[in-house]
Amino acid sequence: MTHLRHLGLLWLAVTLTAISAPALWAQESVRQSFKPIAARVVSEFQGATGGIRKPHFDVRRRDTFPEVDADMIGMLKFEMRPKDEASWHPVVCIFGYRQGQWKFVKAFHELPSEKPTWTEAGPWYGEIVERAMKNAQ
């Protein structure tokens, strides 16, 4: 009886792996497609600012930002130093993946204050990102 139970659990594990494997491969493919875009965006910001440090990108499920009409969400995080300033400011750029293409959604930056506050960044950020995406895709 114990052997039958172990075989049943083994069969269940193999079946679940076979069902979930294509979704994991697809997610890794989407992640790999975001990598050159993220690198290009960092490069564009590097040239337009006083510097970029700590770049990090991540691809997440669409429920991370439910208001975005996308299958997956790409997040690019880094710290930016504006030209002629000494301080660094955290920035997050949000992208949506739909129908095989990445599109820029919006950017947020942290405003320096006693109690740091995140706010949507102005159109300058979008211009930099759009220029980078033209060159990356």
Protein backbone atom coordinates (compact mmCIF):
# COMPACT_ATOMS: atom_id res chain seq x y z
CA MET A 1 0.00 0.00 0.00
CA THR A 2 2.86 2.37 0.83
CA HIS A 3 4.41 1.74 -2.58
CA LEU A 4 1.16 2.71 -4.30
CA ARG A 5 1.00 5.91 -2.28
CA HIS A 6 4.60 6.82 -3.20
CA LEU A 7 3.93 6.06 -6.87
CA GLY A 8 0.83 8.24 -6.75
CA LEU A 9 2.77 11.14 -5.24
CA LEU A 10 5.57 10.68 -7.76
CA TRP A 11 3.06 10.71 -10.63
CA LEU A 12 1.45 13.86 -9.22
CA ALA A 13 4.84 15.62 -8.93
CA VAL A 14 5.80 14.69 -12.50
CA THR A 15 2.42 15.83 -13.83
CA LEU A 16 2.58 19.18 -12.03
CA THR A 17 6.13 19.74 -13.25
CA ALA A 18 5.13 19.01 -16.84
CA ILE A 19 2.19 21.40 -16.61
CA SER A 20 4.14 24.27 -15.02
CA ALA A 21 7.38 23.93 -17.05
CA PRO A 22 6.16 25.79 -20.18
CA ALA A 23 4.97 28.71 -18.04
CA LEU A 24 8.34 28.90 -16.32
CA TRP A 25 10.18 28.75 -19.66
CA ALA A 26 7.94 31.49 -21.05
CA GLN A 27 8.58 33.66 -18.00
CA GLU A 28 12.34 33.18 -18.36
CA SER A 29 12.06 34.11 -22.05
CA VAL A 30 10.22 37.32 -21.13
CA ARG A 31 12.86 38.04 -18.49
CA GLN A 32 15.64 37.56 -21.04
CA SER A 33 13.86 39.88 -23.50
CA PHE A 34 13.77 42.62 -20.83
CA LYS A 35 17.49 42.41 -20.00
CA PRO A 36 18.81 44.34 -23.07
CA ILE A 37 16.11 46.99 -22.71
CA ALA A 38 17.00 47.51 -19.04
CA ALA A 39 20.69 47.75 -19.92
CA ARG A 40 20.01 50.29 -22.67
CA VAL A 41 17.80 52.41 -20.39
CA VAL A 42 20.53 52.45 -17.73
CA SER A 43 23.05 53.47 -20.40
CA GLU A 44 20.83 56.36 -21.59
CA PHE A 45 20.32 57.62 -18.04
CA GLN A 46 24.07 57.30 -17.44
CA GLY A 47 24.72 59.68 -20.32
CA ALA A 48 21.96 62.13 -19.40
CA THR A 49 22.75 62.45 -15.69
CA GLY A 50 25.66 62.79 -13.31
CA GLY A 51 25.71 59.02 -12.87
CA ILE A 52 23.78 55.82 -12.19
CA ARG A 53 24.52 53.24 -9.53
CA LYS A 54 22.99 50.04 -8.16
CA PRO A 55 20.96 49.11 -11.28
CA HIS A 56 18.64 46.14 -10.76
CA PHE A 57 15.84 44.78 -12.90
CA ASP A 58 13.10 42.31 -12.19
CA VAL A 59 10.18 40.81 -14.08
CA ARG A 60 7.00 40.24 -12.10
CA ARG A 61 3.48 38.98 -12.54
CA ARG A 62 0.95 41.44 -13.88
CA ASP A 63 -0.86 41.71 -10.56
CA THR A 64 2.10 43.76 -9.30
CA PHE A 65 0.50 46.73 -11.09
CA PRO A 66 -3.08 45.69 -11.87
CA GLU A 67 -3.86 49.06 -13.50
CA VAL A 68 -1.36 48.26 -16.28
CA ASP A 69 -2.76 46.29 -19.22
CA ALA A 70 0.12 43.81 -19.54
CA ASP A 71 0.93 40.12 -19.29
CA MET A 72 4.08 40.77 -17.24
CA ILE A 73 5.60 43.79 -15.48
CA GLY A 74 9.24 44.81 -15.79
CA MET A 75 10.76 46.93 -13.04
CA LEU A 76 14.07 48.71 -13.41
CA LYS A 77 15.47 50.20 -10.20
CA PHE A 78 18.57 52.34 -9.80
CA GLU A 79 19.95 55.35 -8.01
CA MET A 80 20.52 58.46 -10.11
CA ARG A 81 22.64 61.52 -9.41
CA PRO A 82 21.39 64.54 -11.34
CA LYS A 83 24.06 66.64 -13.05
CA ASP A 84 25.51 69.32 -10.78
CA GLU A 85 24.20 67.59 -7.62
CA ALA A 86 25.99 65.52 -5.02
CA SER A 87 23.06 63.46 -3.75
CA TRP A 88 21.68 60.22 -5.20
CA HIS A 89 17.94 59.63 -5.74
CA PRO A 90 16.22 56.23 -6.07
CA VAL A 91 14.27 55.73 -9.31
CA VAL A 92 11.93 52.95 -10.45
CA CYS A 93 10.85 52.60 -14.08
CA ILE A 94 7.82 50.41 -14.80
CA PHE A 95 7.34 48.56 -18.11
CA GLY A 96 4.54 46.38 -19.40
CA TYR A 97 4.96 43.31 -21.63
CA ARG A 98 2.07 42.59 -23.99
CA GLN A 99 1.89 40.80 -27.34
CA GLY A 100 5.64 40.24 -27.51
CA GLN A 101 6.66 43.86 -26.84
CA TRP A 102 7.84 45.90 -23.89
CA LYS A 103 6.35 49.36 -23.41
CA PHE A 104 7.29 52.03 -20.91
CA VAL A 105 4.48 52.74 -18.44
CA LYS A 106 5.77 55.27 -15.88
CA ALA A 107 8.63 56.20 -13.60
CA PHE A 108 8.73 57.02 -9.92
CA HIS A 109 11.40 58.77 -7.90
CA GLU A 110 11.91 59.37 -4.24
CA LEU A 111 11.79 63.00 -3.19
CA PRO A 112 14.34 63.95 -0.56
CA SER A 113 12.74 65.07 2.68
CA GLU A 114 12.53 64.19 6.36
CA LYS A 115 10.16 61.40 5.50
CA PRO A 116 11.05 60.18 1.96
CA THR A 117 8.11 60.19 -0.43
CA TRP A 118 7.73 58.40 -3.75
CA THR A 119 6.07 60.35 -6.54
CA GLU A 120 5.50 59.87 -10.25
CA ALA A 121 8.41 61.32 -12.20
CA GLY A 122 8.02 63.97 -14.88
CA PRO A 123 8.05 63.58 -18.67
CA TRP A 124 11.85 63.89 -18.89
CA TYR A 125 12.17 60.32 -17.56
CA GLY A 126 9.80 59.03 -20.24
CA GLU A 127 11.77 60.81 -22.97
CA ILE A 128 15.00 59.15 -21.84
CA VAL A 129 13.37 55.72 -21.65
CA GLU A 130 11.64 56.04 -25.04
CA ARG A 131 14.93 57.04 -26.67
CA ALA A 132 16.63 54.02 -25.11
CA MET A 133 13.86 51.66 -26.21
CA LYS A 134 14.07 52.83 -29.82
CA ASN A 135 17.72 51.85 -29.81
CA ALA A 136 17.19 48.53 -27.96
CA GLN A 137 14.35 46.87 -29.93
